[in-house]
Amino acid sequence: MKWICMSILLYADDTILIAPSVTSLQQLLNICEQELEWLDMSLNAKKSTCIRISPRFNANCCNIVTRDGRELVVVTFFNNNFVNCKAISNYGYQKSTK
């Protein structure tokens, strides 16, 4: 049996990148940005968010940045809750911390 790695999911005008590590996610983002550039398109960093799902959510990790140096917002999901995020509303739901 062969395994298939699905790291990119597309739906309408949305793209989801899935990676096992921050380094892998950065590499995948770089590839996607290069492909978008060939199509005369670009990533809207203001509407882009990284969701980190990990039991090591307090561990430091590298920031995810676009090819032109814009840093993407990173939020953490752990134990069925968003941790250290003020608001998330681009995904059809909203969660705000008080």
Protein backbone atom coordinates (compact mmCIF):
# COMPACT_ATOMS: atom_id res chain seq x y z
CA MET A 1 0.00 0.00 0.00
CA LYS A 2 1.34 3.45 -0.90
CA TRP A 3 0.95 6.44 1.38
CA ILE A 4 -0.08 9.78 -0.05
CA CYS A 5 0.90 12.99 1.71
CA MET A 6 -1.72 15.71 1.28
CA SER A 7 -0.08 18.93 2.41
CA ILE A 8 -2.24 21.35 0.43
CA LEU A 9 -6.03 21.49 0.51
CA LEU A 10 -7.93 23.85 -1.79
CA TYR A 11 -11.54 24.97 -1.46
CA ALA A 12 -12.97 27.86 -3.51
CA ASP A 13 -10.48 30.70 -2.95
CA ASP A 14 -9.03 29.26 0.26
CA THR A 15 -5.83 27.27 0.67
CA ILE A 16 -4.81 25.19 3.68
CA LEU A 17 -1.18 24.16 4.08
CA ILE A 18 -0.52 21.25 6.45
CA ALA A 19 2.98 20.46 7.66
CA PRO A 20 4.54 18.37 10.45
CA SER A 21 6.97 21.12 11.49
CA VAL A 22 7.47 24.87 11.32
CA THR A 23 10.41 24.38 8.95
CA SER A 24 8.31 22.24 6.61
CA LEU A 25 5.50 24.80 6.70
CA GLN A 26 7.92 27.59 5.77
CA GLN A 27 9.22 25.55 2.82
CA LEU A 28 5.68 24.78 1.68
CA LEU A 29 4.70 28.44 1.94
CA ASN A 30 7.73 29.44 -0.14
CA ILE A 31 6.74 26.96 -2.87
CA CYS A 32 3.15 28.19 -2.89
CA GLU A 33 4.24 31.81 -3.10
CA GLN A 34 6.49 30.96 -6.05
CA GLU A 35 3.60 29.24 -7.84
CA LEU A 36 1.31 32.21 -7.12
CA GLU A 37 3.93 34.56 -8.52
CA TRP A 38 4.01 32.57 -11.79
CA LEU A 39 0.21 33.01 -11.95
CA ASP A 40 0.58 36.77 -11.35
CA MET A 41 -1.09 36.37 -7.94
CA SER A 42 0.11 36.90 -4.39
CA LEU A 43 -0.59 35.85 -0.82
CA ASN A 44 -2.55 38.29 1.33
CA ALA A 45 -0.56 38.13 4.58
CA LYS A 46 -3.21 40.19 6.41
CA LYS A 47 -5.76 37.42 5.81
CA SER A 48 -3.35 34.55 6.48
CA THR A 49 -3.00 32.77 9.81
CA CYS A 50 -0.96 29.83 11.04
CA ILE A 51 -2.68 27.56 13.53
CA ARG A 52 -0.23 25.60 15.63
CA ILE A 53 -1.69 22.37 17.00
CA SER A 54 0.72 20.90 19.50
CA PRO A 55 1.10 19.78 23.10
CA ARG A 56 4.36 21.81 23.04
CA PHE A 57 2.48 25.05 22.44
CA ASN A 58 4.65 26.96 24.94
CA ALA A 59 7.90 26.01 23.19
CA ASN A 60 9.52 28.75 21.13
CA CYS A 61 9.51 28.29 17.39
CA CYS A 62 10.49 30.27 14.31
CA ASN A 63 8.07 32.75 12.80
CA ILE A 64 6.51 31.98 9.44
CA VAL A 65 7.31 34.77 6.98
CA THR A 66 6.41 35.48 3.38
CA ARG A 67 9.09 35.79 0.72
CA ASP A 68 9.01 39.57 1.09
CA GLY A 69 9.45 39.40 4.88
CA ARG A 70 5.87 39.82 6.13
CA GLU A 71 5.28 37.77 9.28
CA LEU A 72 2.13 35.64 9.49
CA VAL A 73 0.03 35.59 12.65
CA VAL A 74 0.44 32.36 14.63
CA VAL A 75 -2.25 31.10 16.99
CA THR A 76 -2.13 27.92 19.04
CA PHE A 77 -4.80 25.25 19.41
CA PHE A 78 -4.37 22.91 22.38
CA ASN A 79 -6.87 20.82 24.39
CA ASN A 80 -9.75 21.98 22.16
CA ASN A 81 -9.08 25.65 22.91
CA PHE A 82 -7.26 28.49 21.23
CA VAL A 83 -4.39 29.70 23.40
CA ASN A 84 -2.84 33.21 23.33
CA CYS A 85 -5.01 34.65 20.59
CA LYS A 86 -7.16 37.76 20.66
CA ALA A 87 -9.59 36.97 17.85
CA ILE A 88 -9.95 34.63 14.93
CA SER A 89 -12.74 35.42 12.50
CA ASN A 90 -11.52 34.51 8.99
CA TYR A 91 -12.59 30.87 9.21
CA GLY A 92 -16.35 31.05 9.66
CA TYR A 93 -16.23 31.30 13.45
CA GLN A 94 -15.05 33.74 16.02
CA LYS A 95 -13.21 33.14 19.29
CA SER A 96 -12.14 36.00 21.47
CA THR A 97 -10.28 35.93 24.77
CA LYS A 98 -11.44 38.13 27.62
